[in-house]
All heavy atoms as atom14 arrays in JSON, in Angstrom:
{
  "sequence": "PDFDRLLANSLSVAQQRHAFSVAASSGPRGIVNRLRIRLEGCHRGTG",
  "atom14_mask": [
    [1, 1, 1, 1, 1, 1, 1, 0, 0, 0, 0, 0, 0, 0],
    [1, 1, 1, 1, 1, 1, 1, 1, 0, 0, 0, 0, 0, 0],
    [1, 1, 1, 1, 1, 1, 1, 1, 1, 1, 1, 0, 0, 0],
    [1, 1, 1, 1, 1, 1, 1, 1, 0, 0, 0, 0, 0, 0],
    [1, 1, 1, 1, 1, 1, 1, 1, 1, 1, 1, 0, 0, 0],
    [1, 1, 1, 1, 1, 1, 1, 1, 0, 0, 0, 0, 0, 0],
    [1, 1, 1, 1, 1, 1, 1, 1, 0, 0, 0, 0, 0, 0],
    [1, 1, 1, 1, 1, 0, 0, 0, 0, 0, 0, 0, 0, 0],
    [1, 1, 1, 1, 1, 1, 1, 1, 0, 0, 0, 0, 0, 0],
    [1, 1, 1, 1, 1, 1, 0, 0, 0, 0, 0, 0, 0, 0],
    [1, 1, 1, 1, 1, 1, 1, 1, 0, 0, 0, 0, 0, 0],
    [1, 1, 1, 1, 1, 1, 0, 0, 0, 0, 0, 0, 0, 0],
    [1, 1, 1, 1, 1, 1, 1, 0, 0, 0, 0, 0, 0, 0],
    [1, 1, 1, 1, 1, 0, 0, 0, 0, 0, 0, 0, 0, 0],
    [1, 1, 1, 1, 1, 1, 1, 1, 1, 0, 0, 0, 0, 0],
    [1, 1, 1, 1, 1, 1, 1, 1, 1, 0, 0, 0, 0, 0],
    [1, 1, 1, 1, 1, 1, 1, 1, 1, 1, 1, 0, 0, 0],
    [1, 1, 1, 1, 1, 1, 1, 1, 1, 1, 0, 0, 0, 0],
    [1, 1, 1, 1, 1, 0, 0, 0, 0, 0, 0, 0, 0, 0],
    [1, 1, 1, 1, 1, 1, 1, 1, 1, 1, 1, 0, 0, 0],
    [1, 1, 1, 1, 1, 1, 0, 0, 0, 0, 0, 0, 0, 0],
    [1, 1, 1, 1, 1, 1, 1, 0, 0, 0, 0, 0, 0, 0],
    [1, 1, 1, 1, 1, 0, 0, 0, 0, 0, 0, 0, 0, 0],
    [1, 1, 1, 1, 1, 0, 0, 0, 0, 0, 0, 0, 0, 0],
    [1, 1, 1, 1, 1, 1, 0, 0, 0, 0, 0, 0, 0, 0],
    [1, 1, 1, 1, 1, 1, 0, 0, 0, 0, 0, 0, 0, 0],
    [1, 1, 1, 1, 0, 0, 0, 0, 0, 0, 0, 0, 0, 0],
    [1, 1, 1, 1, 1, 1, 1, 0, 0, 0, 0, 0, 0, 0],
    [1, 1, 1, 1, 1, 1, 1, 1, 1, 1, 1, 0, 0, 0],
    [1, 1, 1, 1, 0, 0, 0, 0, 0, 0, 0, 0, 0, 0],
    [1, 1, 1, 1, 1, 1, 1, 1, 0, 0, 0, 0, 0, 0],
    [1, 1, 1, 1, 1, 1, 1, 0, 0, 0, 0, 0, 0, 0],
    [1, 1, 1, 1, 1, 1, 1, 1, 0, 0, 0, 0, 0, 0],
    [1, 1, 1, 1, 1, 1, 1, 1, 1, 1, 1, 0, 0, 0],
    [1, 1, 1, 1, 1, 1, 1, 1, 0, 0, 0, 0, 0, 0],
    [1, 1, 1, 1, 1, 1, 1, 1, 1, 1, 1, 0, 0, 0],
    [1, 1, 1, 1, 1, 1, 1, 1, 0, 0, 0, 0, 0, 0],
    [1, 1, 1, 1, 1, 1, 1, 1, 1, 1, 1, 0, 0, 0],
    [1, 1, 1, 1, 1, 1, 1, 1, 0, 0, 0, 0, 0, 0],
    [1, 1, 1, 1, 1, 1, 1, 1, 1, 0, 0, 0, 0, 0],
    [1, 1, 1, 1, 0, 0, 0, 0, 0, 0, 0, 0, 0, 0],
    [1, 1, 1, 1, 1, 1, 0, 0, 0, 0, 0, 0, 0, 0],
    [1, 1, 1, 1, 1, 1, 1, 1, 1, 1, 0, 0, 0, 0],
    [1, 1, 1, 1, 1, 1, 1, 1, 1, 1, 1, 0, 0, 0],
    [1, 1, 1, 1, 0, 0, 0, 0, 0, 0, 0, 0, 0, 0],
    [1, 1, 1, 1, 1, 1, 1, 0, 0, 0, 0, 0, 0, 0],
    [1, 1, 1, 1, 0, 0, 0, 0, 0, 0, 0, 0, 0, 0]
  ],
  "atom14_positions": [
    [[-4.0, 6.35, 5.25], [-3.46, 6.09, 6.58], [-4.21, 4.95, 7.27], [-3.6, 4.16, 7.99], [-3.67, 7.41, 7.32], [-4.71, 8.14, 6.54], [-4.62, 7.65, 5.13], [0.0, 0.0, 0.0], [0.0, 0.0, 0.0], [0.0, 0.0, 0.0], [0.0, 0.0, 0.0], [0.0, 0.0, 0.0], [0.0, 0.0, 0.0], [0.0, 0.0, 0.0]],
    [[-5.51, 4.84, 7.01], [-6.34, 3.78, 7.59], [-6.76, 2.86, 6.44], [-7.82, 3.05, 5.85], [-7.56, 4.41, 8.27], [-8.53, 3.37, 8.83], [-8.17, 2.18, 8.86], [-9.65, 3.76, 9.21], [0.0, 0.0, 0.0], [0.0, 0.0, 0.0], [0.0, 0.0, 0.0], [0.0, 0.0, 0.0], [0.0, 0.0, 0.0], [0.0, 0.0, 0.0]],
    [[-5.9, 1.9, 6.11], [-6.17, 1.03, 4.97], [-7.46, 0.24, 5.13], [-8.08, -0.18, 4.15], [-5.0, 0.06, 4.72], [-4.89, -1.03, 5.76], [-5.61, -2.2, 5.65], [-4.05, -0.88, 6.84], [-5.5, -3.2, 6.61], [-3.93, -1.87, 7.8], [-4.66, -3.04, 7.68], [0.0, 0.0, 0.0], [0.0, 0.0, 0.0], [0.0, 0.0, 0.0]],
    [[-7.9, 0.03, 6.37], [-9.05, -0.83, 6.62], [-10.34, -0.28, 6.01], [-11.19, -1.04, 5.57], [-9.22, -1.06, 8.12], [-10.03, -2.32, 8.39], [-9.73, -3.36, 7.79], [-10.99, -2.24, 9.18], [0.0, 0.0, 0.0], [0.0, 0.0, 0.0], [0.0, 0.0, 0.0], [0.0, 0.0, 0.0], [0.0, 0.0, 0.0], [0.0, 0.0, 0.0]],
    [[-10.49, 1.03, 5.92], [-11.7, 1.61, 5.31], [-11.8, 1.24, 3.83], [-12.85, 0.83, 3.35], [-11.7, 3.14, 5.44], [-12.07, 3.63, 6.82], [-12.19, 5.15, 6.9], [-12.96, 5.71, 5.81], [-12.55, 6.72, 5.03], [-11.37, 7.28, 5.21], [-13.31, 7.18, 4.08], [0.0, 0.0, 0.0], [0.0, 0.0, 0.0], [0.0, 0.0, 0.0]],
    [[-10.7, 1.41, 3.1], [-10.7, 1.06, 1.69], [-10.86, -0.44, 1.5], [-11.64, -0.9, 0.66], [-9.4, 1.54, 1.02], [-9.23, 1.18, -0.45], [-10.35, 1.77, -1.29], [-7.88, 1.65, -0.93], [0.0, 0.0, 0.0], [0.0, 0.0, 0.0], [0.0, 0.0, 0.0], [0.0, 0.0, 0.0], [0.0, 0.0, 0.0], [0.0, 0.0, 0.0]],
    [[-10.17, -1.2, 2.3], [-10.25, -2.65, 2.21], [-11.67, -3.13, 2.51], [-12.22, -3.96, 1.77], [-9.25, -3.28, 3.18], [-8.93, -4.75, 3.0], [-8.43, -5.05, 1.59], [-7.91, -5.19, 4.01], [0.0, 0.0, 0.0], [0.0, 0.0, 0.0], [0.0, 0.0, 0.0], [0.0, 0.0, 0.0], [0.0, 0.0, 0.0], [0.0, 0.0, 0.0]],
    [[-12.29, -2.62, 3.54], [-13.65, -3.02, 3.91], [-14.63, -2.72, 2.78], [-15.49, -3.55, 2.45], [-14.09, -2.33, 5.19], [0.0, 0.0, 0.0], [0.0, 0.0, 0.0], [0.0, 0.0, 0.0], [0.0, 0.0, 0.0], [0.0, 0.0, 0.0], [0.0, 0.0, 0.0], [0.0, 0.0, 0.0], [0.0, 0.0, 0.0], [0.0, 0.0, 0.0]],
    [[-14.51, -1.55, 2.17], [-15.42, -1.18, 1.1], [-15.24, -2.09, -0.11], [-16.21, -2.55, -0.72], [-15.24, 0.29, 0.71], [-16.46, 0.88, 0.05], [-17.58, 0.43, 0.24], [-16.24, 1.91, -0.74], [0.0, 0.0, 0.0], [0.0, 0.0, 0.0], [0.0, 0.0, 0.0], [0.0, 0.0, 0.0], [0.0, 0.0, 0.0], [0.0, 0.0, 0.0]],
    [[-14.0, -2.38, -0.46], [-13.76, -3.24, -1.62], [-14.12, -4.7, -1.34], [-14.6, -5.41, -2.22], [-12.31, -3.12, -2.09], [-11.41, -3.61, -1.12], [0.0, 0.0, 0.0], [0.0, 0.0, 0.0], [0.0, 0.0, 0.0], [0.0, 0.0, 0.0], [0.0, 0.0, 0.0], [0.0, 0.0, 0.0], [0.0, 0.0, 0.0], [0.0, 0.0, 0.0]],
    [[-13.94, -5.15, -0.11], [-14.31, -6.52, 0.24], [-15.82, -6.73, 0.14], [-16.28, -7.82, -0.19], [-13.83, -6.86, 1.66], [-12.35, -7.15, 1.79], [-11.95, -7.2, 3.26], [-11.99, -8.44, 1.08], [0.0, 0.0, 0.0], [0.0, 0.0, 0.0], [0.0, 0.0, 0.0], [0.0, 0.0, 0.0], [0.0, 0.0, 0.0], [0.0, 0.0, 0.0]],
    [[-16.58, -5.67, 0.4], [-18.03, -5.8, 0.37], [-18.58, -6.03, -1.03], [-19.72, -6.47, -1.18], [-18.68, -4.56, 1.0], [-18.54, -3.45, 0.14], [0.0, 0.0, 0.0], [0.0, 0.0, 0.0], [0.0, 0.0, 0.0], [0.0, 0.0, 0.0], [0.0, 0.0, 0.0], [0.0, 0.0, 0.0], [0.0, 0.0, 0.0], [0.0, 0.0, 0.0]],
    [[-17.79, -5.75, -2.06], [-18.28, -5.9, -3.44], [-17.57, -6.99, -4.23], [-17.98, -7.31, -5.34], [-18.2, -4.56, -4.21], [-19.07, -3.52, -3.54], [-16.77, -4.08, -4.35], [0.0, 0.0, 0.0], [0.0, 0.0, 0.0], [0.0, 0.0, 0.0], [0.0, 0.0, 0.0], [0.0, 0.0, 0.0], [0.0, 0.0, 0.0], [0.0, 0.0, 0.0]],
    [[-16.51, -7.57, -3.7], [-15.77, -8.62, -4.41], [-16.47, -9.96, -4.2], [-16.49, -10.49, -3.1], [-14.34, -8.7, -3.9], [0.0, 0.0, 0.0], [0.0, 0.0, 0.0], [0.0, 0.0, 0.0], [0.0, 0.0, 0.0], [0.0, 0.0, 0.0], [0.0, 0.0, 0.0], [0.0, 0.0, 0.0], [0.0, 0.0, 0.0], [0.0, 0.0, 0.0]],
    [[-17.05, -10.49, -5.26], [-17.81, -11.72, -5.15], [-16.94, -12.98, -5.17], [-17.23, -13.93, -4.45], [-18.85, -11.81, -6.28], [-19.87, -10.69, -6.21], [-20.59, -10.67, -4.88], [-21.17, -11.67, -4.46], [-20.55, -9.55, -4.2], [0.0, 0.0, 0.0], [0.0, 0.0, 0.0], [0.0, 0.0, 0.0], [0.0, 0.0, 0.0], [0.0, 0.0, 0.0]],
    [[-15.9, -13.0, -6.0], [-15.09, -14.21, -6.15], [-13.63, -14.05, -5.75], [-13.05, -14.95, -5.19], [-15.13, -14.69, -7.6], [-16.49, -15.08, -8.08], [-16.49, -15.4, -9.57], [-15.46, -15.4, -10.23], [-17.65, -15.66, -10.1], [0.0, 0.0, 0.0], [0.0, 0.0, 0.0], [0.0, 0.0, 0.0], [0.0, 0.0, 0.0], [0.0, 0.0, 0.0]],
    [[-13.05, -12.91, -6.08], [-11.6, -12.76, -5.91], [-11.28, -11.33, -5.48], [-11.9, -10.38, -5.91], [-10.92, -13.09, -7.23], [-9.42, -12.96, -7.22], [-8.81, -13.6, -8.43], [-8.78, -15.05, -8.21], [-8.35, -15.92, -9.1], [-7.93, -15.52, -10.27], [-8.35, -17.2, -8.82], [0.0, 0.0, 0.0], [0.0, 0.0, 0.0], [0.0, 0.0, 0.0]],
    [[-10.25, -11.22, -4.64], [-9.73, -9.91, -4.21], [-8.22, -9.97, -4.34], [-7.59, -10.9, -3.83], [-10.13, -9.63, -2.76], [-9.98, -8.21, -2.38], [-8.77, -7.62, -2.16], [-10.92, -7.24, -2.19], [-8.95, -6.35, -1.84], [-10.25, -6.09, -1.85], [0.0, 0.0, 0.0], [0.0, 0.0, 0.0], [0.0, 0.0, 0.0], [0.0, 0.0, 0.0]],
    [[-7.65, -9.0, -5.04], [-6.21, -8.97, -5.22], [-5.69, -7.59, -4.81], [-6.41, -6.59, -4.94], [-5.85, -9.24, -6.68], [0.0, 0.0, 0.0], [0.0, 0.0, 0.0], [0.0, 0.0, 0.0], [0.0, 0.0, 0.0], [0.0, 0.0, 0.0], [0.0, 0.0, 0.0], [0.0, 0.0, 0.0], [0.0, 0.0, 0.0], [0.0, 0.0, 0.0]],
    [[-4.47, -7.56, -4.3], [-3.88, -6.28, -3.94], [-2.37, -6.33, -4.11], [-1.76, -7.39, -4.09], [-4.25, -5.88, -2.5], [-3.64, -6.75, -1.44], [-2.41, -6.44, -0.88], [-4.31, -7.87, -0.98], [-1.85, -7.24, 0.11], [-3.76, -8.68, 0.01], [-2.52, -8.36, 0.55], [0.0, 0.0, 0.0], [0.0, 0.0, 0.0], [0.0, 0.0, 0.0]],
    [[-1.81, -5.16, -4.33], [-0.36, -5.01, -4.34], [-0.02, -3.83, -3.44], [-0.71, -2.82, -3.43], [0.17, -4.79, -5.76], [-0.3, -3.58, -6.29], [0.0, 0.0, 0.0], [0.0, 0.0, 0.0], [0.0, 0.0, 0.0], [0.0, 0.0, 0.0], [0.0, 0.0, 0.0], [0.0, 0.0, 0.0], [0.0, 0.0, 0.0], [0.0, 0.0, 0.0]],
    [[1.01, -4.02, -2.65], [1.45, -3.01, -1.68], [2.97, -3.03, -1.59], [3.62, -3.96, -2.07], [0.86, -3.26, -0.27], [-0.64, -3.09, -0.25], [1.24, -4.64, 0.25], [0.0, 0.0, 0.0], [0.0, 0.0, 0.0], [0.0, 0.0, 0.0], [0.0, 0.0, 0.0], [0.0, 0.0, 0.0], [0.0, 0.0, 0.0], [0.0, 0.0, 0.0]],
    [[3.52, -2.05, -0.94], [4.94, -2.06, -0.61], [5.16, -3.15, 0.43], [4.39, -3.3, 1.37], [5.36, -0.7, -0.06], [0.0, 0.0, 0.0], [0.0, 0.0, 0.0], [0.0, 0.0, 0.0], [0.0, 0.0, 0.0], [0.0, 0.0, 0.0], [0.0, 0.0, 0.0], [0.0, 0.0, 0.0], [0.0, 0.0, 0.0], [0.0, 0.0, 0.0]],
    [[6.21, -3.94, 0.23], [6.54, -4.97, 1.22], [6.78, -4.29, 2.56], [7.36, -3.21, 2.63], [7.78, -5.74, 0.78], [0.0, 0.0, 0.0], [0.0, 0.0, 0.0], [0.0, 0.0, 0.0], [0.0, 0.0, 0.0], [0.0, 0.0, 0.0], [0.0, 0.0, 0.0], [0.0, 0.0, 0.0], [0.0, 0.0, 0.0], [0.0, 0.0, 0.0]],
    [[6.32, -4.94, 3.64], [6.35, -4.27, 4.95], [7.27, -4.91, 5.98], [7.44, -4.36, 7.06], [4.93, -4.21, 5.53], [4.44, -5.51, 5.77], [0.0, 0.0, 0.0], [0.0, 0.0, 0.0], [0.0, 0.0, 0.0], [0.0, 0.0, 0.0], [0.0, 0.0, 0.0], [0.0, 0.0, 0.0], [0.0, 0.0, 0.0], [0.0, 0.0, 0.0]],
    [[7.87, -6.03, 5.66], [8.71, -6.68, 6.67], [10.1, -6.96, 6.13], [10.34, -6.93, 4.92], [8.05, -7.99, 7.14], [7.92, -8.88, 6.06], [0.0, 0.0, 0.0], [0.0, 0.0, 0.0], [0.0, 0.0, 0.0], [0.0, 0.0, 0.0], [0.0, 0.0, 0.0], [0.0, 0.0, 0.0], [0.0, 0.0, 0.0], [0.0, 0.0, 0.0]],
    [[10.99, -7.25, 7.06], [12.36, -7.58, 6.7], [13.08, -6.42, 6.03], [12.66, -5.27, 6.13], [0.0, 0.0, 0.0], [0.0, 0.0, 0.0], [0.0, 0.0, 0.0], [0.0, 0.0, 0.0], [0.0, 0.0, 0.0], [0.0, 0.0, 0.0], [0.0, 0.0, 0.0], [0.0, 0.0, 0.0], [0.0, 0.0, 0.0], [0.0, 0.0, 0.0]],
    [[14.15, -6.72, 5.32], [14.93, -5.67, 4.65], [14.11, -4.86, 3.65], [14.29, -3.66, 3.53], [16.05, -6.44, 3.95], [16.17, -7.72, 4.72], [14.8, -8.04, 5.21], [0.0, 0.0, 0.0], [0.0, 0.0, 0.0], [0.0, 0.0, 0.0], [0.0, 0.0, 0.0], [0.0, 0.0, 0.0], [0.0, 0.0, 0.0], [0.0, 0.0, 0.0]],
    [[13.19, -5.52, 2.93], [12.35, -4.79, 1.97], [11.48, -3.75, 2.68], [11.28, -2.66, 2.18], [11.48, -5.77, 1.18], [12.25, -6.57, 0.17], [11.3, -7.49, -0.6], [11.99, -8.17, -1.66], [12.52, -9.39, -1.54], [12.43, -10.04, -0.4], [13.14, -9.95, -2.55], [0.0, 0.0, 0.0], [0.0, 0.0, 0.0], [0.0, 0.0, 0.0]],
    [[10.93, -4.11, 3.83], [10.12, -3.17, 4.58], [10.93, -1.97, 5.05], [10.45, -0.83, 5.0], [0.0, 0.0, 0.0], [0.0, 0.0, 0.0], [0.0, 0.0, 0.0], [0.0, 0.0, 0.0], [0.0, 0.0, 0.0], [0.0, 0.0, 0.0], [0.0, 0.0, 0.0], [0.0, 0.0, 0.0], [0.0, 0.0, 0.0], [0.0, 0.0, 0.0]],
    [[12.14, -2.22, 5.5], [13.02, -1.13, 5.93], [13.31, -0.2, 4.76], [13.21, 1.03, 4.87], [14.32, -1.68, 6.54], [14.02, -2.43, 7.85], [15.35, -0.56, 6.77], [15.17, -3.27, 8.37], [0.0, 0.0, 0.0], [0.0, 0.0, 0.0], [0.0, 0.0, 0.0], [0.0, 0.0, 0.0], [0.0, 0.0, 0.0], [0.0, 0.0, 0.0]],
    [[13.66, -0.77, 3.61], [13.95, 0.03, 2.42], [12.72, 0.83, 2.0], [12.81, 2.02, 1.68], [14.45, -0.85, 1.26], [14.51, -0.08, -0.05], [15.81, -1.44, 1.6], [0.0, 0.0, 0.0], [0.0, 0.0, 0.0], [0.0, 0.0, 0.0], [0.0, 0.0, 0.0], [0.0, 0.0, 0.0], [0.0, 0.0, 0.0], [0.0, 0.0, 0.0]],
    [[11.54, 0.2, 2.02], [10.31, 0.9, 1.62], [10.0, 2.07, 2.54], [9.64, 3.15, 2.08], [9.13, -0.06, 1.57], [9.11, -0.84, 0.28], [9.52, -0.36, -0.75], [8.64, -2.07, 0.36], [0.0, 0.0, 0.0], [0.0, 0.0, 0.0], [0.0, 0.0, 0.0], [0.0, 0.0, 0.0], [0.0, 0.0, 0.0], [0.0, 0.0, 0.0]],
    [[10.14, 1.87, 3.83], [9.86, 2.97, 4.77], [10.83, 4.13, 4.56], [10.44, 5.3, 4.55], [9.9, 2.47, 6.2], [8.66, 1.67, 6.57], [8.71, 1.17, 8.02], [7.48, 0.49, 8.35], [7.21, -0.78, 8.05], [8.09, -1.52, 7.39], [6.06, -1.33, 8.39], [0.0, 0.0, 0.0], [0.0, 0.0, 0.0], [0.0, 0.0, 0.0]],
    [[12.08, 3.81, 4.35], [13.09, 4.84, 4.11], [12.82, 5.55, 2.77], [12.86, 6.77, 2.69], [14.49, 4.22, 4.12], [15.65, 5.16, 3.87], [15.68, 6.25, 4.94], [16.96, 4.39, 3.84], [0.0, 0.0, 0.0], [0.0, 0.0, 0.0], [0.0, 0.0, 0.0], [0.0, 0.0, 0.0], [0.0, 0.0, 0.0], [0.0, 0.0, 0.0]],
    [[12.54, 4.79, 1.74], [12.26, 5.35, 0.41], [11.08, 6.31, 0.44], [11.13, 7.41, -0.11], [12.0, 4.21, -0.57], [11.74, 4.64, -1.98], [11.55, 3.42, -2.88], [10.52, 2.52, -2.39], [9.24, 2.57, -2.75], [8.83, 3.48, -3.6], [8.38, 1.71, -2.27], [0.0, 0.0, 0.0], [0.0, 0.0, 0.0], [0.0, 0.0, 0.0]],
    [[10.02, 5.91, 1.12], [8.82, 6.76, 1.19], [9.1, 8.04, 1.96], [8.66, 9.12, 1.58], [7.64, 5.96, 1.77], [7.15, 4.98, 0.7], [6.52, 6.87, 2.24], [6.13, 3.99, 1.19], [0.0, 0.0, 0.0], [0.0, 0.0, 0.0], [0.0, 0.0, 0.0], [0.0, 0.0, 0.0], [0.0, 0.0, 0.0], [0.0, 0.0, 0.0]],
    [[9.88, 7.96, 3.01], [10.24, 9.18, 3.75], [11.07, 10.12, 2.9], [10.9, 11.33, 2.95], [11.02, 8.83, 5.02], [10.13, 8.43, 6.13], [10.89, 8.43, 7.42], [10.02, 7.93, 8.46], [10.43, 7.54, 9.63], [11.71, 7.6, 9.93], [9.58, 7.09, 10.52], [0.0, 0.0, 0.0], [0.0, 0.0, 0.0], [0.0, 0.0, 0.0]],
    [[11.98, 9.56, 2.12], [12.86, 10.39, 1.31], [12.16, 10.97, 0.09], [12.43, 12.1, -0.3], [14.09, 9.59, 0.86], [15.05, 9.19, 1.97], [16.14, 8.27, 1.44], [15.66, 10.42, 2.63], [0.0, 0.0, 0.0], [0.0, 0.0, 0.0], [0.0, 0.0, 0.0], [0.0, 0.0, 0.0], [0.0, 0.0, 0.0], [0.0, 0.0, 0.0]],
    [[11.27, 10.21, -0.53], [10.6, 10.69, -1.74], [9.61, 11.8, -1.43], [9.63, 12.84, -2.07], [9.85, 9.55, -2.44], [10.76, 8.63, -3.21], [9.99, 7.51, -3.89], [8.75, 7.44, -3.77], [10.64, 6.69, -4.53], [0.0, 0.0, 0.0], [0.0, 0.0, 0.0], [0.0, 0.0, 0.0], [0.0, 0.0, 0.0], [0.0, 0.0, 0.0]],
    [[8.71, 11.54, -0.5], [7.75, 12.58, -0.11], [6.71, 12.94, -1.14], [5.89, 13.8, -0.93], [0.0, 0.0, 0.0], [0.0, 0.0, 0.0], [0.0, 0.0, 0.0], [0.0, 0.0, 0.0], [0.0, 0.0, 0.0], [0.0, 0.0, 0.0], [0.0, 0.0, 0.0], [0.0, 0.0, 0.0], [0.0, 0.0, 0.0], [0.0, 0.0, 0.0]],
    [[6.74, 12.33, -2.3], [5.73, 12.63, -3.31], [5.52, 11.39, -4.18], [6.33, 10.48, -4.19], [6.12, 13.82, -4.16], [7.56, 13.55, -5.2], [0.0, 0.0, 0.0], [0.0, 0.0, 0.0], [0.0, 0.0, 0.0], [0.0, 0.0, 0.0], [0.0, 0.0, 0.0], [0.0, 0.0, 0.0], [0.0, 0.0, 0.0], [0.0, 0.0, 0.0]],
    [[4.45, 11.4, -4.9], [4.13, 10.3, -5.81], [5.02, 10.41, -7.03], [5.07, 11.44, -7.68], [2.66, 10.36, -6.21], [2.23, 9.19, -7.0], [2.39, 9.11, -8.35], [1.64, 8.03, -6.62], [1.92, 7.96, -8.8], [1.46, 7.29, -7.77], [0.0, 0.0, 0.0], [0.0, 0.0, 0.0], [0.0, 0.0, 0.0], [0.0, 0.0, 0.0]],
    [[5.72, 9.35, -7.34], [6.62, 9.34, -8.48], [5.88, 9.73, -9.76], [4.82, 9.2, -10.05], [7.22, 7.95, -8.63], [8.27, 7.86, -9.67], [8.8, 6.48, -9.84], [8.26, 5.53, -8.89], [8.91, 4.5, -8.42], [10.11, 4.27, -8.81], [8.34, 3.68, -7.57], [0.0, 0.0, 0.0], [0.0, 0.0, 0.0], [0.0, 0.0, 0.0]],
    [[6.41, 10.68, -10.49], [5.84, 11.05, -11.77], [4.87, 12.23, -11.71], [4.7, 12.92, -12.7], [0.0, 0.0, 0.0], [0.0, 0.0, 0.0], [0.0, 0.0, 0.0], [0.0, 0.0, 0.0], [0.0, 0.0, 0.0], [0.0, 0.0, 0.0], [0.0, 0.0, 0.0], [0.0, 0.0, 0.0], [0.0, 0.0, 0.0], [0.0, 0.0, 0.0]],
    [[4.24, 12.47, -10.58], [3.28, 13.56, -10.53], [3.87, 14.82, -9.92], [3.4, 15.9, -10.21], [2.02, 13.19, -9.71], [2.41, 13.06, -8.34], [1.38, 11.93, -10.21], [0.0, 0.0, 0.0], [0.0, 0.0, 0.0], [0.0, 0.0, 0.0], [0.0, 0.0, 0.0], [0.0, 0.0, 0.0], [0.0, 0.0, 0.0], [0.0, 0.0, 0.0]],
    [[4.87, 14.66, -9.06], [5.46, 15.82, -8.41], [4.6, 16.39, -7.3], [5.0, 17.31, -6.62], [0.0, 0.0, 0.0], [0.0, 0.0, 0.0], [0.0, 0.0, 0.0], [0.0, 0.0, 0.0], [0.0, 0.0, 0.0], [0.0, 0.0, 0.0], [0.0, 0.0, 0.0], [0.0, 0.0, 0.0], [0.0, 0.0, 0.0], [0.0, 0.0, 0.0]]
  ]
}
């Protein structure tokens, strides 16, 4: 819920490069992602 804690911890140890992948958050993709996450309610594959 508070992405900044994880980001801050990982930034403190990344010497050269930091990469991340997330659900798109803006435009039509962001709308679809928010709706998809509400409907799924669980992590795909784990149940």
